């Protein structure tokens, strides 16, 4: 069965560094996955009240 050079490289890399996939999942969780929403209505209301409004275009503040 044919395997591309990239597939062979990735499989070899995973054999050499078995911890790599777990580290990638941890990095994704750190940067992208959102924390669960708190079901307590009082805390959600408090968070909503204390939220800072975002400007329409956040990268340009001189208007």
N, C-alpha and C. Protein backbone atom coordinates (compact mmCIF):
# COMPACT_ATOMS: atom_id res chain seq x y z
N UNK A 1 0.84 -1.18 0.00
CA UNK A 1 0.00 0.00 0.00
C UNK A 1 0.89 1.25 0.00
N UNK A 2 0.53 2.22 -0.82
CA UNK A 2 1.31 3.44 -0.95
C UNK A 2 1.10 4.35 0.25
N UNK A 3 2.21 4.93 0.72
CA UNK A 3 2.17 5.95 1.77
C UNK A 3 3.05 7.11 1.32
N UNK A 4 2.51 8.29 1.40
CA UNK A 4 3.28 9.46 0.99
C UNK A 4 4.43 9.69 1.96
N UNK A 5 5.36 10.52 1.53
CA UNK A 5 6.50 10.85 2.38
C UNK A 5 6.05 11.55 3.66
N UNK A 6 5.03 12.38 3.54
CA UNK A 6 4.54 13.11 4.71
C UNK A 6 3.90 12.15 5.71
N UNK A 7 3.12 11.18 5.21
CA UNK A 7 2.50 10.19 6.11
C UNK A 7 3.58 9.38 6.81
N UNK A 8 4.59 8.99 6.10
CA UNK A 8 5.69 8.23 6.72
C UNK A 8 6.39 9.07 7.77
N UNK A 9 6.60 10.35 7.47
CA UNK A 9 7.26 11.24 8.42
C UNK A 9 6.44 11.39 9.70
N UNK A 10 5.13 11.60 9.54
CA UNK A 10 4.27 11.78 10.72
C UNK A 10 4.23 10.52 11.56
N UNK A 11 4.12 9.37 10.94
CA UNK A 11 4.11 8.11 11.69
C UNK A 11 5.43 7.88 12.41
N UNK A 12 6.54 8.20 11.77
CA UNK A 12 7.85 8.05 12.40
C UNK A 12 7.96 9.03 13.58
N UNK A 13 7.49 10.25 13.39
CA UNK A 13 7.53 11.26 14.45
C UNK A 13 6.71 10.81 15.65
N UNK A 14 5.53 10.23 15.41
CA UNK A 14 4.69 9.75 16.50
C UNK A 14 5.33 8.57 17.23
N UNK A 15 6.06 7.74 16.51
CA UNK A 15 6.76 6.62 17.17
C UNK A 15 7.90 7.14 18.03
N UNK A 16 8.60 8.16 17.55
CA UNK A 16 9.74 8.71 18.30
C UNK A 16 9.30 9.54 19.50
N UNK A 17 8.16 10.23 19.36
CA UNK A 17 7.68 11.13 20.42
C UNK A 17 6.21 10.82 20.72
N UNK A 18 5.95 9.76 21.48
CA UNK A 18 4.55 9.39 21.74
C UNK A 18 3.77 10.43 22.55
N UNK A 19 4.43 11.31 23.25
CA UNK A 19 3.77 12.33 24.07
C UNK A 19 3.32 13.53 23.24
N UNK A 20 3.71 13.58 21.97
CA UNK A 20 3.45 14.75 21.14
C UNK A 20 1.96 15.03 20.95
N UNK A 21 1.17 14.00 20.72
CA UNK A 21 -0.27 14.21 20.50
C UNK A 21 -0.96 14.78 21.74
N UNK A 22 -0.59 14.28 22.91
CA UNK A 22 -1.18 14.80 24.15
C UNK A 22 -0.78 16.27 24.35
N UNK A 23 0.45 16.61 24.02
CA UNK A 23 0.90 18.00 24.15
C UNK A 23 0.13 18.90 23.19
N UNK A 24 -0.16 18.41 21.99
CA UNK A 24 -0.94 19.20 21.04
C UNK A 24 -2.36 19.43 21.56
N UNK A 25 -2.96 18.40 22.14
CA UNK A 25 -4.32 18.55 22.70
C UNK A 25 -4.32 19.55 23.86
N UNK A 26 -3.29 19.49 24.70
CA UNK A 26 -3.20 20.44 25.81
C UNK A 26 -3.05 21.87 25.30
N UNK A 27 -2.25 22.06 24.26
CA UNK A 27 -2.08 23.39 23.68
C UNK A 27 -3.37 23.92 23.08
N UNK A 28 -4.10 23.05 22.42
CA UNK A 28 -5.39 23.46 21.86
C UNK A 28 -6.35 23.86 22.97
N UNK A 29 -6.40 23.07 24.02
CA UNK A 29 -7.30 23.38 25.14
C UNK A 29 -6.93 24.71 25.77
N UNK A 30 -5.65 24.98 25.86
CA UNK A 30 -5.19 26.23 26.47
C UNK A 30 -5.57 27.44 25.63
N UNK A 31 -5.46 27.32 24.30
CA UNK A 31 -5.65 28.50 23.45
C UNK A 31 -7.04 28.62 22.85
N UNK A 32 -7.74 27.52 22.62
CA UNK A 32 -8.97 27.58 21.83
C UNK A 32 -10.22 27.14 22.57
N UNK A 33 -10.14 26.14 23.40
CA UNK A 33 -11.35 25.62 24.04
C UNK A 33 -11.82 26.57 25.12
N UNK A 34 -13.11 26.86 25.11
CA UNK A 34 -13.67 27.79 26.09
C UNK A 34 -14.04 27.04 27.37
N UNK A 35 -13.94 27.72 28.51
CA UNK A 35 -14.36 27.07 29.76
C UNK A 35 -15.88 26.89 29.77
N UNK A 36 -16.36 25.94 30.53
CA UNK A 36 -17.81 25.73 30.57
C UNK A 36 -18.54 26.93 31.18
N UNK A 37 -19.76 27.14 30.74
CA UNK A 37 -20.57 28.24 31.23
C UNK A 37 -21.08 27.90 32.62
N UNK A 38 -21.00 28.86 33.53
CA UNK A 38 -21.46 28.66 34.89
C UNK A 38 -22.99 28.66 34.90
N UNK A 39 -23.62 27.62 35.40
CA UNK A 39 -25.08 27.56 35.36
C UNK A 39 -25.78 28.46 36.39
N UNK A 40 -25.04 29.05 37.31
CA UNK A 40 -25.65 29.88 38.35
C UNK A 40 -26.14 31.19 37.72
N UNK A 41 -27.46 31.45 37.74
CA UNK A 41 -28.00 32.66 37.09
C UNK A 41 -27.49 33.96 37.71
N UNK A 42 -27.24 33.97 39.02
CA UNK A 42 -26.75 35.19 39.66
C UNK A 42 -25.35 35.54 39.17
N UNK A 43 -24.49 34.54 39.06
CA UNK A 43 -23.13 34.79 38.58
C UNK A 43 -23.12 35.21 37.11
N UNK A 44 -23.99 34.62 36.32
CA UNK A 44 -24.07 35.01 34.91
C UNK A 44 -24.56 36.44 34.77
N UNK A 45 -25.54 36.82 35.59
CA UNK A 45 -26.04 38.20 35.56
C UNK A 45 -24.96 39.17 36.00
N UNK A 46 -24.21 38.81 37.03
CA UNK A 46 -23.11 39.64 37.52
C UNK A 46 -22.05 39.81 36.43
N UNK A 47 -21.72 38.75 35.74
CA UNK A 47 -20.73 38.81 34.66
C UNK A 47 -21.24 39.67 33.51
N UNK A 48 -22.51 39.55 33.19
CA UNK A 48 -23.11 40.34 32.11
C UNK A 48 -23.07 41.84 32.46
N UNK A 49 -23.35 42.18 33.73
CA UNK A 49 -23.34 43.58 34.16
C UNK A 49 -21.93 44.17 34.12
N UNK A 50 -20.92 43.36 34.44
CA UNK A 50 -19.55 43.86 34.53
C UNK A 50 -18.79 43.75 33.22
N UNK A 51 -19.44 43.36 32.17
CA UNK A 51 -18.78 43.20 30.88
C UNK A 51 -18.47 44.57 30.28
N UNK A 52 -17.29 44.72 29.72
CA UNK A 52 -16.87 45.96 29.08
C UNK A 52 -17.34 45.90 27.63
N UNK A 53 -18.07 46.91 27.16
CA UNK A 53 -18.54 46.87 25.77
C UNK A 53 -17.38 46.95 24.79
N UNK A 54 -17.48 46.19 23.73
CA UNK A 54 -16.44 46.16 22.72
C UNK A 54 -16.81 47.11 21.59
N UNK A 55 -15.81 47.84 21.11
CA UNK A 55 -16.05 48.75 20.00
C UNK A 55 -16.25 47.95 18.71
N UNK A 56 -16.92 48.54 17.71
CA UNK A 56 -17.19 47.79 16.49
C UNK A 56 -15.92 47.30 15.79
N UNK A 57 -14.88 48.10 15.80
CA UNK A 57 -13.63 47.69 15.17
C UNK A 57 -12.54 47.85 16.22
N UNK A 58 -12.15 46.75 16.83
CA UNK A 58 -11.29 46.80 18.01
C UNK A 58 -9.87 47.26 17.73
N UNK A 59 -9.41 47.20 16.48
CA UNK A 59 -8.03 47.56 16.19
C UNK A 59 -7.85 49.05 15.89
N UNK A 60 -8.94 49.78 15.78
CA UNK A 60 -8.85 51.21 15.50
C UNK A 60 -9.61 51.95 16.61
N UNK A 61 -8.91 52.62 17.49
CA UNK A 61 -9.52 53.25 18.65
C UNK A 61 -9.61 54.77 18.53
N UNK A 62 -9.16 55.37 17.42
CA UNK A 62 -9.10 56.82 17.30
C UNK A 62 -10.33 57.38 16.57
N UNK A 63 -11.48 57.25 17.15
CA UNK A 63 -12.68 57.85 16.53
C UNK A 63 -13.57 58.46 17.56
